[in-house]
Amino acid sequence: MTTDHSSRDRSTARILGVFLAVLSIPVLIGGFSAAQTIDLALGTAAGAALLLAAAVLMIYGSRGRSRKARKR
């Protein structure tokens, strides 16, 4: 017996993407308000990495949803 978990996986990816996007906001704010240059660079890089991961997860989650909507 096989089950299709792709709908659940895409919903989870979408929710995780939103969580990472919200989490990246204080990281970016902290990075931009840093006093030293290395702290500024590391904070900004970490915030950008979180935003990139969030975008990838949200795109992955939303692509599957539109395909299923077209089939109905």
Protein backbone atom coordinates (compact mmCIF):
# COMPACT_ATOMS: atom_id res chain seq x y z
CA MET A 1 0.00 0.00 0.00
CA THR A 2 1.50 3.33 -1.04
CA THR A 3 0.45 6.73 0.20
CA ASP A 4 1.11 10.11 -1.33
CA HIS A 5 2.52 12.54 1.21
CA SER A 6 3.51 15.26 -1.26
CA SER A 7 0.61 17.53 -0.31
CA ARG A 8 1.53 17.33 3.37
CA ASP A 9 5.22 17.84 2.58
CA ARG A 10 4.53 20.93 0.49
CA SER A 11 2.32 22.42 3.19
CA THR A 12 5.05 21.81 5.74
CA ALA A 13 7.63 23.43 3.45
CA ARG A 14 5.40 26.47 2.99
CA ILE A 15 4.90 26.89 6.74
CA LEU A 16 8.61 26.41 7.44
CA GLY A 17 9.42 28.99 4.76
CA VAL A 18 7.17 31.56 6.41
CA PHE A 19 8.76 30.79 9.79
CA LEU A 20 12.27 31.29 8.39
CA ALA A 21 11.25 34.53 6.69
CA VAL A 22 9.91 35.90 9.98
CA LEU A 23 13.02 34.67 11.80
CA SER A 24 15.32 36.43 9.33
CA ILE A 25 13.86 39.87 10.12
CA PRO A 26 15.44 40.26 13.59
CA VAL A 27 18.66 38.66 12.34
CA LEU A 28 18.93 41.27 9.58
CA ILE A 29 18.05 44.09 11.97
CA GLY A 30 20.73 42.89 14.38
CA GLY A 31 23.21 42.57 11.55
CA PHE A 32 22.62 46.09 10.29
CA SER A 33 22.83 47.60 13.78
CA ALA A 34 26.18 45.94 14.55
CA ALA A 35 29.05 48.14 15.66
CA GLN A 36 31.91 46.23 14.05
CA THR A 37 32.34 45.41 10.38
CA ILE A 38 32.72 41.66 10.89
CA ASP A 39 29.51 41.55 12.92
CA LEU A 40 27.74 43.49 10.19
CA ALA A 41 28.99 41.09 7.52
CA LEU A 42 28.14 37.94 9.48
CA GLY A 43 24.71 39.15 10.58
CA THR A 44 23.79 40.25 7.08
CA ALA A 45 25.05 37.00 5.57
CA ALA A 46 23.09 34.94 8.10
CA GLY A 47 19.92 36.96 7.45
CA ALA A 48 20.36 36.63 3.70
CA ALA A 49 20.88 32.87 4.03
CA LEU A 50 17.69 32.57 6.08
CA LEU A 51 15.76 34.62 3.50
CA LEU A 52 17.11 32.49 0.65
CA ALA A 53 16.13 29.27 2.44
CA ALA A 54 12.69 30.73 3.15
CA ALA A 55 12.20 31.68 -0.48
CA VAL A 56 13.21 28.23 -1.70
CA LEU A 57 10.85 26.50 0.73
CA MET A 58 7.93 28.81 -0.08
CA ILE A 59 8.44 28.38 -3.81
CA TYR A 60 8.64 24.60 -3.40
CA GLY A 61 5.48 24.62 -1.32
CA SER A 62 3.49 26.84 -3.64
CA ARG A 63 4.45 25.08 -6.90
CA GLY A 64 2.83 21.79 -5.90
CA ARG A 65 -0.35 23.49 -4.81
CA SER A 66 -0.91 25.17 -8.18
CA ARG A 67 -0.36 21.92 -10.06
CA LYS A 68 -3.03 20.14 -8.01
CA ALA A 69 -5.44 23.04 -8.48
CA ARG A 70 -5.09 22.74 -12.27
CA LYS A 71 -5.93 19.02 -12.22
CA ARG A 72 -9.26 19.56 -10.48
